[in-house]
Amino acid sequence: AGGSEAVIGLSLIALGTSLPELSTTVVAALRKSSDVAIGNVVGSNLFNILAILGITALLTDIPVDPEFLKFDLWFMFAASILLWLFVLLRATINRTWGVIFLSGYFGYLFVIYQ
């Protein structure tokens, strides 16, 4: 991941800042509002990538460590493609897929902490 600061950002800070999205998405899913649940996840990610990085770059340059290209961005790309396939196929993200998604995230954490 390119250093201990990057690992902290990719894990602990990401988890802490994602807790509001987690609660919103869980409540929306429990209320059978899947469009809100998926929209919240996608919208939050788009805002983080485009708006937050854009606003920050207006204030100061943001060097990008090429190490992110070796694993982290590819992992994010694969997760995005998986979600895109669910939407394209109008599939349901059920408990089995929930376990698979969580296992993927914990596997990702395992790799970046090595």
PDB file of N, CA and C in Angstrom:
ATOM      1  N   ALA A   1       0.809  -1.203   0.000  1.00  0.00           N
ATOM      2  CA  ALA A   1       0.000   0.000   0.000  1.00  0.00           C
ATOM      3  C   ALA A   1       0.843   1.255   0.000  1.00  0.00           C
ATOM      4  N   GLY A   2       2.140   1.119   0.220  1.00  0.00           N
ATOM      5  CA  GLY A   2       2.978   2.291   0.093  1.00  0.00           C
ATOM      6  C   GLY A   2       3.312   2.974   1.399  1.00  0.00           C
ATOM      7  N   GLY A   3       3.322   2.270   2.496  1.00  0.00           N
ATOM      8  CA  GLY A   3       3.729   2.888   3.750  1.00  0.00           C
ATOM      9  C   GLY A   3       2.663   2.826   4.814  1.00  0.00           C
ATOM     10  N   SER A   4       3.104   3.022   6.051  1.00  0.00           N
ATOM     11  CA  SER A   4       2.179   2.876   7.169  1.00  0.00           C
ATOM     12  C   SER A   4       1.075   3.923   7.167  1.00  0.00           C
ATOM     13  N   GLU A   5       1.361   5.149   6.718  1.00  0.00           N
ATOM     14  CA  GLU A   5       0.304   6.168   6.656  1.00  0.00           C
ATOM     15  C   GLU A   5      -0.788   5.759   5.676  1.00  0.00           C
ATOM     16  N   ALA A   6      -0.382   5.186   4.552  1.00  0.00           N
ATOM     17  CA  ALA A   6      -1.365   4.731   3.565  1.00  0.00           C
ATOM     18  C   ALA A   6      -2.216   3.603   4.135  1.00  0.00           C
ATOM     19  N   VAL A   7      -1.590   2.678   4.849  1.00  0.00           N
ATOM     20  CA  VAL A   7      -2.332   1.560   5.438  1.00  0.00           C
ATOM     21  C   VAL A   7      -3.348   2.074   6.455  1.00  0.00           C
ATOM     22  N   ILE A   8      -2.958   3.051   7.253  1.00  0.00           N
ATOM     23  CA  ILE A   8      -3.891   3.638   8.224  1.00  0.00           C
ATOM     24  C   ILE A   8      -5.065   4.289   7.491  1.00  0.00           C
ATOM     25  N   GLY A   9      -4.783   5.031   6.423  1.00  0.00           N
ATOM     26  CA  GLY A   9      -5.848   5.661   5.645  1.00  0.00           C
ATOM     27  C   GLY A   9      -6.756   4.655   4.968  1.00  0.00           C
ATOM     28  N   LEU A  10      -6.159   3.567   4.464  1.00  0.00           N
ATOM     29  CA  LEU A  10      -6.921   2.540   3.757  1.00  0.00           C
ATOM     30  C   LEU A  10      -7.749   1.657   4.686  1.00  0.00           C
ATOM     31  N   SER A  11      -7.469   1.703   5.967  1.00  0.00           N
ATOM     32  CA  SER A  11      -8.180   0.807   6.880  1.00  0.00           C
ATOM     33  C   SER A  11      -8.885   1.571   8.001  1.00  0.00           C
ATOM     34  N   LEU A  12      -8.152   2.067   8.953  1.00  0.00           N
ATOM     35  CA  LEU A  12      -8.772   2.665  10.142  1.00  0.00           C
ATOM     36  C   LEU A  12      -9.566   3.924   9.822  1.00  0.00           C
ATOM     37  N   ILE A  13      -8.972   4.846   9.089  1.00  0.00           N
ATOM     38  CA  ILE A  13      -9.688   6.083   8.752  1.00  0.00           C
ATOM     39  C   ILE A  13     -10.863   5.774   7.833  1.00  0.00           C
ATOM     40  N   ALA A  14     -10.644   4.881   6.869  1.00  0.00           N
ATOM     41  CA  ALA A  14     -11.732   4.501   5.960  1.00  0.00           C
ATOM     42  C   ALA A  14     -12.899   3.890   6.727  1.00  0.00           C
ATOM     43  N   LEU A  15     -12.593   3.030   7.685  1.00  0.00           N
ATOM     44  CA  LEU A  15     -13.656   2.422   8.491  1.00  0.00           C
ATOM     45  C   LEU A  15     -14.409   3.479   9.293  1.00  0.00           C
ATOM     46  N   GLY A  16     -13.674   4.348   9.955  1.00  0.00           N
ATOM     47  CA  GLY A  16     -14.312   5.378  10.776  1.00  0.00           C
ATOM     48  C   GLY A  16     -15.186   6.328   9.984  1.00  0.00           C
ATOM     49  N   THR A  17     -14.717   6.736   8.818  1.00  0.00           N
ATOM     50  CA  THR A  17     -15.508   7.678   8.018  1.00  0.00           C
ATOM     51  C   THR A  17     -16.654   6.994   7.288  1.00  0.00           C
ATOM     52  N   SER A  18     -16.627   5.668   7.206  1.00  0.00           N
ATOM     53  CA  SER A  18     -17.691   4.935   6.508  1.00  0.00           C
ATOM     54  C   SER A  18     -18.822   4.487   7.422  1.00  0.00           C
ATOM     55  N   LEU A  19     -18.680   4.662   8.710  1.00  0.00           N
ATOM     56  CA  LEU A  19     -19.739   4.224   9.632  1.00  0.00           C
ATOM     57  C   LEU A  19     -21.088   4.898   9.368  1.00  0.00           C
ATOM     58  N   PRO A  20     -21.133   6.210   9.041  1.00  0.00           N
ATOM     59  CA  PRO A  20     -22.445   6.796   8.702  1.00  0.00           C
ATOM     60  C   PRO A  20     -23.072   6.144   7.465  1.00  0.00           C
ATOM     61  N   GLU A  21     -22.258   5.828   6.443  1.00  0.00           N
ATOM     62  CA  GLU A  21     -22.789   5.154   5.258  1.00  0.00           C
ATOM     63  C   GLU A  21     -23.286   3.758   5.612  1.00  0.00           C
ATOM     64  N   LEU A  22     -22.567   3.083   6.500  1.00  0.00           N
ATOM     65  CA  LEU A  22     -22.994   1.749   6.922  1.00  0.00           C
ATOM     66  C   LEU A  22     -24.369   1.799   7.570  1.00  0.00           C
ATOM     67  N   SER A  23     -24.563   2.718   8.494  1.00  0.00           N
ATOM     68  CA  SER A  23     -25.861   2.786   9.177  1.00  0.00           C
ATOM     69  C   SER A  23     -26.973   3.184   8.214  1.00  0.00           C
ATOM     70  N   THR A  24     -26.712   4.143   7.335  1.00  0.00           N
ATOM     71  CA  THR A  24     -27.716   4.563   6.349  1.00  0.00           C
ATOM     72  C   THR A  24     -28.085   3.414   5.422  1.00  0.00           C
ATOM     73  N   THR A  25     -27.085   2.676   4.956  1.00  0.00           N
ATOM     74  CA  THR A  25     -27.328   1.580   4.023  1.00  0.00           C
ATOM     75  C   THR A  25     -28.077   0.434   4.695  1.00  0.00           C
ATOM     76  N   VAL A  26     -27.716   0.099   5.929  1.00  0.00           N
ATOM     77  CA  VAL A  26     -28.414  -0.969   6.659  1.00  0.00           C
ATOM     78  C   VAL A  26     -29.877  -0.595   6.871  1.00  0.00           C
ATOM     79  N   VAL A  27     -30.141   0.626   7.320  1.00  0.00           N
ATOM     80  CA  VAL A  27     -31.526   1.065   7.543  1.00  0.00           C
ATOM     81  C   VAL A  27     -32.304   1.029   6.229  1.00  0.00           C
ATOM     82  N   ALA A  28     -31.701   1.527   5.148  1.00  0.00           N
ATOM     83  CA  ALA A  28     -32.385   1.523   3.847  1.00  0.00           C
ATOM     84  C   ALA A  28     -32.693   0.096   3.402  1.00  0.00           C
ATOM     85  N   ALA A  29     -31.742  -0.811   3.558  1.00  0.00           N
ATOM     86  CA  ALA A  29     -31.962  -2.203   3.152  1.00  0.00           C
ATOM     87  C   ALA A  29     -33.052  -2.855   3.997  1.00  0.00           C
ATOM     88  N   LEU A  30     -33.039  -2.604   5.304  1.00  0.00           N
ATOM     89  CA  LEU A  30     -34.076  -3.169   6.174  1.00  0.00           C
ATOM     90  C   LEU A  30     -35.463  -2.643   5.818  1.00  0.00           C
ATOM     91  N   ARG A  31     -35.512  -1.430   5.294  1.00  0.00           N
ATOM     92  CA  ARG A  31     -36.786  -0.844   4.864  1.00  0.00           C
ATOM     93  C   ARG A  31     -37.124  -1.196   3.416  1.00  0.00           C
ATOM     94  N   LYS A  32     -36.353  -2.108   2.849  1.00  0.00           N
ATOM     95  CA  LYS A  32     -36.554  -2.570   1.463  1.00  0.00           C
ATOM     96  C   LYS A  32     -36.368  -1.447   0.441  1.00  0.00           C
ATOM     97  N   SER A  33     -35.535  -0.481   0.765  1.00  0.00           N
ATOM     98  CA  SER A  33     -35.217   0.624  -0.152  1.00  0.00           C
ATOM     99  C   SER A  33     -33.849   0.363  -0.766  1.00  0.00           C
ATOM    100  N   SER A  34     -33.793  -0.656  -1.626  1.00  0.00           N
ATOM    101  CA  SER A  34     -32.499  -1.053  -2.182  1.00  0.00           C
ATOM    102  C   SER A  34     -31.867   0.044  -3.032  1.00  0.00           C
ATOM    103  N   ASP A  35     -32.688   0.853  -3.712  1.00  0.00           N
ATOM    104  CA  ASP A  35     -32.128   1.953  -4.500  1.00  0.00           C
ATOM    105  C   ASP A  35     -31.389   2.946  -3.611  1.00  0.00           C
ATOM    106  N   VAL A  36     -31.936   3.219  -2.437  1.00  0.00           N
ATOM    107  CA  VAL A  36     -31.266   4.117  -1.491  1.00  0.00           C
ATOM    108  C   VAL A  36     -29.992   3.455  -0.974  1.00  0.00           C
ATOM    109  N   ALA A  37     -30.061   2.162  -0.662  1.00  0.00           N
ATOM    110  CA  ALA A  37     -28.897   1.449  -0.130  1.00  0.00           C
ATOM    111  C   ALA A  37     -27.744   1.452  -1.130  1.00  0.00           C
ATOM    112  N   ILE A  38     -28.007   1.037  -2.361  1.00  0.00           N
ATOM    113  CA  ILE A  38     -26.960   0.994  -3.388  1.00  0.00           C
ATOM    114  C   ILE A  38     -26.543   2.410  -3.771  1.00  0.00           C
ATOM    115  N   GLY A  39     -27.511   3.309  -3.904  1.00  0.00           N
ATOM    116  CA  GLY A  39     -27.204   4.701  -4.249  1.00  0.00           C
ATOM    117  C   GLY A  39     -26.317   5.364  -3.215  1.00  0.00           C
ATOM    118  N   ASN A  40     -26.535   5.064  -1.953  1.00  0.00           N
ATOM    119  CA  ASN A  40     -25.706   5.621  -0.888  1.00  0.00           C
ATOM    120  C   ASN A  40     -24.261   5.155  -1.021  1.00  0.00           C
ATOM    121  N   VAL A  41     -24.070   3.868  -1.271  1.00  0.00           N
ATOM    122  CA  VAL A  41     -22.718   3.319  -1.407  1.00  0.00           C
ATOM    123  C   VAL A  41     -22.019   3.918  -2.623  1.00  0.00           C
ATOM    124  N   VAL A  42     -22.691   3.903  -3.764  1.00  0.00           N
ATOM    125  CA  VAL A  42     -22.086   4.422  -4.996  1.00  0.00           C
ATOM    126  C   VAL A  42     -21.875   5.928  -4.892  1.00  0.00           C
ATOM    127  N   GLY A  43     -22.887   6.648  -4.424  1.00  0.00           N
ATOM    128  CA  GLY A  43     -22.779   8.104  -4.312  1.00  0.00           C
ATOM    129  C   GLY A  43     -21.677   8.534  -3.367  1.00  0.00           C
ATOM    130  N   SER A  44     -21.544   7.845  -2.257  1.00  0.00           N
ATOM    131  CA  SER A  44     -20.497   8.170  -1.294  1.00  0.00           C
ATOM    132  C   SER A  44     -19.113   7.956  -1.895  1.00  0.00           C
ATOM    133  N   ASN A  45     -18.949   6.853  -2.617  1.00  0.00           N
ATOM    134  CA  ASN A  45     -17.657   6.587  -3.249  1.00  0.00           C
ATOM    135  C   ASN A  45     -17.337   7.604  -4.329  1.00  0.00           C
ATOM    136  N   LEU A  46     -18.328   7.942  -5.143  1.00  0.00           N
ATOM    137  CA  LEU A  46     -18.100   8.955  -6.179  1.00  0.00           C
ATOM    138  C   LEU A  46     -17.758  10.305  -5.564  1.00  0.00           C
ATOM    139  N   PHE A  47     -18.470  10.687  -4.519  1.00  0.00           N
ATOM    140  CA  PHE A  47     -18.192  11.958  -3.852  1.00  0.00           C
ATOM    141  C   PHE A  47     -16.783  11.957  -3.271  1.00  0.00           C
ATOM    142  N   ASN A  48     -16.411  10.868  -2.610  1.00  0.00           N
ATOM    143  CA  ASN A  48     -15.070  10.792  -2.030  1.00  0.00           C
ATOM    144  C   ASN A  48     -13.986  10.910  -3.093  1.00  0.00           C
ATOM    145  N   ILE A  49     -14.149  10.206  -4.199  1.00  0.00           N
ATOM    146  CA  ILE A  49     -13.119  10.212  -5.234  1.00  0.00           C
ATOM    147  C   ILE A  49     -13.099  11.535  -5.993  1.00  0.00           C
ATOM    148  N   LEU A  50     -14.252  12.002  -6.426  1.00  0.00           N
ATOM    149  CA  LEU A  50     -14.286  13.174  -7.301  1.00  0.00           C
ATOM    150  C   LEU A  50     -14.335  14.497  -6.552  1.00  0.00           C
ATOM    151  N   ALA A  51     -15.245  14.649  -5.626  1.00  0.00           N
ATOM    152  CA  ALA A  51     -15.410  15.947  -4.961  1.00  0.00           C
ATOM    153  C   ALA A  51     -14.343  16.190  -3.895  1.00  0.00           C
ATOM    154  N   ILE A  52     -14.125  15.218  -3.031  1.00  0.00           N
ATOM    155  CA  ILE A  52     -13.154  15.445  -1.956  1.00  0.00           C
ATOM    156  C   ILE A  52     -11.748  15.599  -2.516  1.00  0.00           C
ATOM    157  N   LEU A  53     -11.358  14.721  -3.432  1.00  0.00           N
ATOM    158  CA  LEU A  53     -10.035  14.892  -4.042  1.00  0.00           C
ATOM    159  C   LEU A  53      -9.971  16.169  -4.869  1.00  0.00           C
ATOM    160  N   GLY A  54     -11.057  16.503  -5.560  1.00  0.00           N
ATOM    161  CA  GLY A  54     -11.081  17.733  -6.357  1.00  0.00           C
ATOM    162  C   GLY A  54     -10.938  18.978  -5.507  1.00  0.00           C
ATOM    163  N   ILE A  55     -11.699  19.062  -4.428  1.00  0.00           N
ATOM    164  CA  ILE A  55     -11.620  20.230  -3.538  1.00  0.00           C
ATOM    165  C   ILE A  55     -10.241  20.316  -2.902  1.00  0.00           C
ATOM    166  N   THR A  56      -9.730  19.182  -2.441  1.00  0.00           N
ATOM    167  CA  THR A  56      -8.406  19.178  -1.814  1.00  0.00           C
ATOM    168  C   THR A  56      -7.333  19.598  -2.808  1.00  0.00           C
ATOM    169  N   ALA A  57      -7.435  19.126  -4.055  1.00  0.00           N
ATOM    170  CA  ALA A  57      -6.445  19.484  -5.074  1.00  0.00           C
ATOM    171  C   ALA A  57      -6.509  20.964  -5.432  1.00  0.00           C
ATOM    172  N   LEU A  58      -7.666  21.597  -5.255  1.00  0.00           N
ATOM    173  CA  LEU A  58      -7.740  23.045  -5.465  1.00  0.00           C
ATOM    174  C   LEU A  58      -6.922  23.792  -4.418  1.00  0.00           C
ATOM    175  N   LEU A  59      -6.784  23.196  -3.249  1.00  0.00           N
ATOM    176  CA  LEU A  59      -6.066  23.838  -2.151  1.00  0.00           C
ATOM    177  C   LEU A  59      -4.580  23.501  -2.134  1.00  0.00           C
ATOM    178  N   THR A  60      -4.248  22.276  -2.507  1.00  0.00           N
ATOM    179  CA  THR A  60      -2.848  21.850  -2.496  1.00  0.00           C
ATOM    180  C   THR A  60      -2.675  20.636  -3.400  1.00  0.00           C
ATOM    181  N   ASP A  61      -1.476  20.482  -3.937  1.00  0.00           N
ATOM    182  CA  ASP A  61      -1.188  19.317  -4.762  1.00  0.00           C
ATOM    183  C   ASP A  61      -1.238  18.055  -3.904  1.00  0.00           C
ATOM    184  N   ILE A  62      -1.672  16.966  -4.512  1.00  0.00           N
ATOM    185  CA  ILE A  62      -1.754  15.681  -3.816  1.00  0.00           C
ATOM    186  C   ILE A  62      -0.868  14.683  -4.564  1.00  0.00           C
ATOM    187  N   PRO A  63       0.334  14.436  -4.061  1.00  0.00           N
ATOM    188  CA  PRO A  63       1.172  13.428  -4.725  1.00  0.00           C
ATOM    189  C   PRO A  63       0.507  12.051  -4.630  1.00  0.00           C
ATOM    190  N   VAL A  64       0.576  11.280  -5.694  1.00  0.00           N
ATOM    191  CA  VAL A  64      -0.018   9.942  -5.711  1.00  0.00           C
ATOM    192  C   VAL A  64       1.111   8.922  -5.766  1.00  0.00           C
ATOM    193  N   ASP A  65       1.172   8.079  -4.758  1.00  0.00           N
ATOM    194  CA  ASP A  65       2.198   7.046  -4.672  1.00  0.00           C
ATOM    195  C   ASP A  65       1.896   5.946  -5.688  1.00  0.00           C
ATOM    196  N   PRO A  66       2.837   5.641  -6.598  1.00  0.00           N
ATOM    197  CA  PRO A  66       2.593   4.587  -7.597  1.00  0.00           C
ATOM    198  C   PRO A  66       2.322   3.216  -6.980  1.00  0.00           C
ATOM    199  N   GLU A  67       2.660   3.033  -5.717  1.00  0.00           N
ATOM    200  CA  GLU A  67       2.380   1.761  -5.039  1.00  0.00           C
ATOM    201  C   GLU A  67       0.883   1.452  -5.023  1.00  0.00           C
ATOM    202  N   PHE A  68       0.048   2.508  -5.020  1.00  0.00           N
ATOM    203  CA  PHE A  68      -1.398   2.287  -5.027  1.00  0.00           C
ATOM    204  C   PHE A  68      -1.840   1.552  -6.290  1.00  0.00           C
ATOM    205  N   LEU A  69      -1.099   1.727  -7.381  1.00  0.00           N
ATOM    206  CA  LEU A  69      -1.462   1.077  -8.639  1.00  0.00           C
ATOM    207  C   LEU A  69      -1.159  -0.416  -8.626  1.00  0.00           C
ATOM    208  N   LYS A  70      -0.327  -0.852  -7.713  1.00  0.00           N
ATOM    209  CA  LYS A  70       0.073  -2.257  -7.703  1.00  0.00           C
ATOM    210  C   LYS A  70      -0.999  -3.178  -7.134  1.00  0.00           C
ATOM    211  N   PHE A  71      -1.809  -2.680  -6.218  1.00  0.00           N
ATOM    212  CA  PHE A  71      -2.813  -3.560  -5.610  1.00  0.00           C
ATOM    213  C   PHE A  71      -4.112  -2.842  -5.275  1.00  0.00           C
ATOM    214  N   ASP A  72      -4.028  -1.744  -4.557  1.00  0.00           N
ATOM    215  CA  ASP A  72      -5.220  -1.112  -3.985  1.00  0.00           C
ATOM    216  C   ASP A  72      -6.219  -0.649  -5.038  1.00  0.00           C
ATOM    217  N   LEU A  73      -5.759   0.049  -6.065  1.00  0.00           N
ATOM    218  CA  LEU A  73      -6.691   0.516  -7.097  1.00  0.00           C
ATOM    219  C   LEU A  73      -7.268  -0.641  -7.895  1.00  0.00           C
ATOM    220  N   TRP A  74      -6.471  -1.692  -8.120  1.00  0.00           N
ATOM    221  CA  TRP A  74      -6.985  -2.863  -8.826  1.00  0.00           C
ATOM    222  C   TRP A  74      -8.052  -3.564  -7.999  1.00  0.00           C
ATOM    223  N   PHE A  75      -7.851  -3.619  -6.697  1.00  0.00           N
ATOM    224  CA  PHE A  75      -8.838  -4.244  -5.816  1.00  0.00           C
ATOM    225  C   PHE A  75     -10.130  -3.437  -5.831  1.00  0.00           C
ATOM    226  N   MET A  76     -10.014  -2.108  -5.769  1.00  0.00           N
ATOM    227  CA  MET A  76     -11.192  -1.237  -5.820  1.00  0.00           C
ATOM    228  C   MET A  76     -11.902  -1.392  -7.172  1.00  0.00           C
ATOM    229  N   PHE A  77     -11.130  -1.479  -8.243  1.00  0.00           N
ATOM    230  CA  PHE A  77     -11.696  -1.663  -9.575  1.00  0.00           C
ATOM    231  C   PHE A  77     -12.473  -2.982  -9.650  1.00  0.00           C
ATOM    232  N   ALA A  78     -11.904  -4.056  -9.119  1.00  0.00           N
ATOM    233  CA  ALA A  78     -12.573  -5.361  -9.139  1.00  0.00           C
ATOM    234  C   ALA A  78     -13.876  -5.321  -8.342  1.00  0.00           C
ATOM    235  N   ALA A  79     -13.860  -4.670  -7.186  1.00  0.00           N
ATOM    236  CA  ALA A  79     -15.081  -4.558  -6.378  1.00  0.00           C
ATOM    237  C   ALA A  79     -16.145  -3.753  -7.120  1.00  0.00           C
ATOM    238  N   SER A  80     -15.726  -2.708  -7.817  1.00  0.00           N
ATOM    239  CA  SER A  80     -16.671  -1.887  -8.588  1.00  0.00           C
ATOM    240  C   SER A  80     -17.276  -2.682  -9.732  1.00  0.00           C
ATOM    241  N   ILE A  81     -16.462  -3.477 -10.410  1.00  0.00           N
ATOM    242  CA  ILE A  81     -16.960  -4.323 -11.503  1.00  0.00           C
ATOM    243  C   ILE A  81     -17.961  -5.343 -10.959  1.00  0.00           C
ATOM    244  N   LEU A  82     -17.670  -5.915  -9.798  1.00  0.00           N
ATOM    245  CA  LEU A  82     -18.591  -6.880  -9.194  1.00  0.00           C
ATOM    246  C   LEU A  82     -19.944  -6.236  -8.907  1.00  0.00           C
ATOM    247  N   LEU A  83     -19.937  -5.046  -8.329  1.00  0.00           N
ATOM    248  CA  LEU A  83     -21.198  -4.339  -8.069  1.00  0.00           C
ATOM    249  C   LEU A  83     -21.904  -4.016  -9.381  1.00  0.00           C
ATOM    250  N   TRP A  84     -21.150  -3.585 -10.389  1.00  0.00           N
ATOM    251  CA  TRP A  84     -21.724  -3.268 -11.696  1.00  0.00           C
ATOM    252  C   TRP A  84     -22.425  -4.497 -12.276  1.00  0.00           C
ATOM    253  N   LEU A  85     -21.812  -5.685 -12.110  1.00  0.00           N
ATOM    254  CA  LEU A  85     -22.433  -6.913 -12.612  1.00  0.00           C
ATOM    255  C   LEU A  85     -23.751  -7.211 -11.899  1.00  0.00           C
ATOM    256  N   PHE A  86     -23.799  -6.985 -10.596  1.00  0.00           N
ATOM    257  CA  PHE A  86     -25.058  -7.175  -9.867  1.00  0.00           C
ATOM    258  C   PHE A  86     -26.139  -6.259 -10.425  1.00  0.00           C
ATOM    259  N   VAL A  87     -25.788  -5.016 -10.675  1.00  0.00           N
ATOM    260  CA  VAL A  87     -26.768  -4.060 -11.207  1.00  0.00           C
ATOM    261  C   VAL A  87     -27.174  -4.467 -12.622  1.00  0.00           C
ATOM    262  N   LEU A  88     -26.197  -4.784 -13.453  1.00  0.00           N
ATOM    263  CA  LEU A  88     -26.460  -5.158 -14.843  1.00  0.00           C
ATOM    264  C   LEU A  88     -27.357  -6.393 -14.928  1.00  0.00           C
ATOM    265  N   LEU A  89     -27.093  -7.368 -14.089  1.00  0.00           N
ATOM    266  CA  LEU A  89     -27.855  -8.621 -14.117  1.00  0.00           C
ATOM    267  C   LEU A  89     -29.118  -8.578 -13.256  1.00  0.00           C
ATOM    268  N   ARG A  90     -29.348  -7.424 -12.620  1.00  0.00           N
ATOM    269  CA  ARG A  90     -30.489  -7.270 -11.717  1.00  0.00           C
ATOM    270  C   ARG A  90     -30.514  -8.385 -10.664  1.00  0.00           C
ATOM    271  N   ALA A  91     -29.326  -8.706 -10.186  1.00  0.00           N
ATOM    272  CA  ALA A  91     -29.177  -9.779  -9.201  1.00  0.00           C
ATOM    273  C   ALA A  91     -29.411  -9.237  -7.794  1.00  0.00           C
ATOM    274  N   THR A  92     -29.539 -10.146  -6.859  1.00  0.00           N
ATOM    275  CA  THR A  92     -29.744  -9.784  -5.463  1.00  0.00           C
ATOM    276  C   THR A  92     -28.453 -10.030  -4.692  1.00  0.00           C
ATOM    277  N   ILE A  93     -28.066  -9.062  -3.891  1.00  0.00           N
ATOM    278  CA  ILE A  93     -26.921  -9.247  -3.006  1.00  0.00           C
ATOM    279  C   ILE A  93     -27.479  -9.863  -1.723  1.00  0.00           C
ATOM    280  N   ASN A  94     -27.354 -11.183  -1.624  1.00  0.00           N
ATOM    281  CA  ASN A  94     -27.942 -11.908  -0.493  1.00  0.00           C
ATOM    282  C   ASN A  94     -26.890 -12.163   0.591  1.00  0.00           C
ATOM    283  N   ARG A  95     -27.255 -12.959   1.598  1.00  0.00           N
ATOM    284  CA  ARG A  95     -26.335 -13.221   2.715  1.00  0.00           C
ATOM    285  C   ARG A  95     -25.050 -13.893   2.248  1.00  0.00           C
ATOM    286  N   THR A  96     -25.173 -14.813   1.306  1.00  0.00           N
ATOM    287  CA  THR A  96     -23.973 -15.483   0.787  1.00  0.00           C
ATOM    288  C   THR A  96     -23.011 -14.466   0.195  1.00  0.00           C
ATOM    289  N   TRP A  97     -23.551 -13.561  -0.618  1.00  0.00           N
ATOM    290  CA  TRP A  97     -22.699 -12.524  -1.201  1.00  0.00           C
ATOM    291  C   TRP A  97     -22.196 -11.564  -0.131  1.00  0.00           C
ATOM    292  N   GLY A  98     -22.999 -11.342   0.897  1.00  0.00           N
ATOM    293  CA  GLY A  98     -22.534 -10.522   2.013  1.00  0.00           C
ATOM    294  C   GLY A  98     -21.304 -11.124   2.666  1.00  0.00           C
ATOM    295  N   VAL A  99     -21.328 -12.443   2.869  1.00  0.00           N
ATOM    296  CA  VAL A  99     -20.165 -13.132   3.438  1.00  0.00           C
ATOM    297  C   VAL A  99     -18.977 -13.031   2.487  1.00  0.00           C
ATOM    298  N   ILE A 100     -19.232 -13.190   1.192  1.00  0.00           N
ATOM    299  CA  ILE A 100     -18.155 -13.090   0.200  1.00  0.00           C
ATOM    300  C   ILE A 100     -17.569 -11.682   0.195  1.00  0.00           C
ATOM    301  N   PHE A 101     -18.426 -10.667   0.198  1.00  0.00           N
ATOM    302  CA  PHE A 101     -17.938  -9.283   0.218  1.00  0.00           C
ATOM    303  C   PHE A 101     -17.106  -9.013   1.471  1.00  0.00           C
ATOM    304  N   LEU A 102     -17.638  -9.401   2.640  1.00  0.00           N
ATOM    305  CA  LEU A 102     -16.897  -9.179   3.889  1.00  0.00           C
ATOM    306  C   LEU A 102     -15.582  -9.950   3.901  1.00  0.00           C
ATOM    307  N   SER A 103     -15.591 -11.176   3.403  1.00  0.00           N
ATOM    308  CA  SER A 103     -14.356 -11.960   3.323  1.00  0.00           C
ATOM    309  C   SER A 103     -13.345 -11.278   2.413  1.00  0.00           C
ATOM    310  N   GLY A 104     -13.834 -10.724   1.313  1.00  0.00           N
ATOM    311  CA  GLY A 104     -12.947  -9.984   0.417  1.00  0.00           C
ATOM    312  C   GLY A 104     -12.323  -8.790   1.107  1.00  0.00           C
ATOM    313  N   TYR A 105     -13.127  -8.075   1.895  1.00  0.00           N
ATOM    314  CA  TYR A 105     -12.593  -6.908   2.606  1.00  0.00           C
ATOM    315  C   TYR A 105     -11.571  -7.330   3.654  1.00  0.00           C
ATOM    316  N   PHE A 106     -11.891  -8.378   4.421  1.00  0.00           N
ATOM    317  CA  PHE A 106     -10.932  -8.837   5.431  1.00  0.00           C
ATOM    318  C   PHE A 106      -9.673  -9.405   4.777  1.00  0.00           C
ATOM    319  N   GLY A 107      -9.828 -10.044   3.626  1.00  0.00           N
ATOM    320  CA  GLY A 107      -8.658 -10.497   2.873  1.00  0.00           C
ATOM    321  C   GLY A 107      -7.809  -9.322   2.417  1.00  0.00           C
ATOM    322  N   TYR A 108      -8.469  -8.273   1.958  1.00  0.00           N
ATOM    323  CA  TYR A 108      -7.768  -7.048   1.560  1.00  0.00           C
ATOM    324  C   TYR A 108      -6.998  -6.476   2.746  1.00  0.00           C
ATOM    325  N   LEU A 109      -7.652  -6.367   3.913  1.00  0.00           N
ATOM    326  CA  LEU A 109      -6.968  -5.862   5.110  1.00  0.00           C
ATOM    327  C   LEU A 109      -5.771  -6.736   5.465  1.00  0.00           C
ATOM    328  N   PHE A 110      -5.941  -8.044   5.358  1.00  0.00           N
ATOM    329  CA  PHE A 110      -4.839  -8.955   5.651  1.00  0.00           C
ATOM    330  C   PHE A 110      -3.642  -8.659   4.752  1.00  0.00           C
ATOM    331  N   VAL A 111      -3.897  -8.470   3.464  1.00  0.00           N
ATOM    332  CA  VAL A 111      -2.812  -8.211   2.510  1.00  0.00           C
ATOM    333  C   VAL A 111      -2.130  -6.879   2.792  1.00  0.00           C
ATOM    334  N   ILE A 112      -2.900  -5.822   3.039  1.00  0.00           N
ATOM    335  CA  ILE A 112      -2.254  -4.514   3.217  1.00  0.00           C
ATOM    336  C   ILE A 112      -1.511  -4.411   4.542  1.00  0.00           C
ATOM    337  N   TYR A 113      -1.854  -5.248   5.506  1.00  0.00           N
ATOM    338  CA  TYR A 113      -1.134  -5.216   6.783  1.00  0.00           C
ATOM    339  C   TYR A 113       0.096  -6.119   6.787  1.00  0.00           C
ATOM    340  N   GLN A 114       0.374  -6.793   5.675  1.00  0.00           N
ATOM    341  CA  GLN A 114       1.580  -7.644   5.582  1.00  0.00           C
ATOM    342  C   GLN A 114       2.812  -6.817   5.331  1.00  0.00           C
TER     343      GLN A 114
END
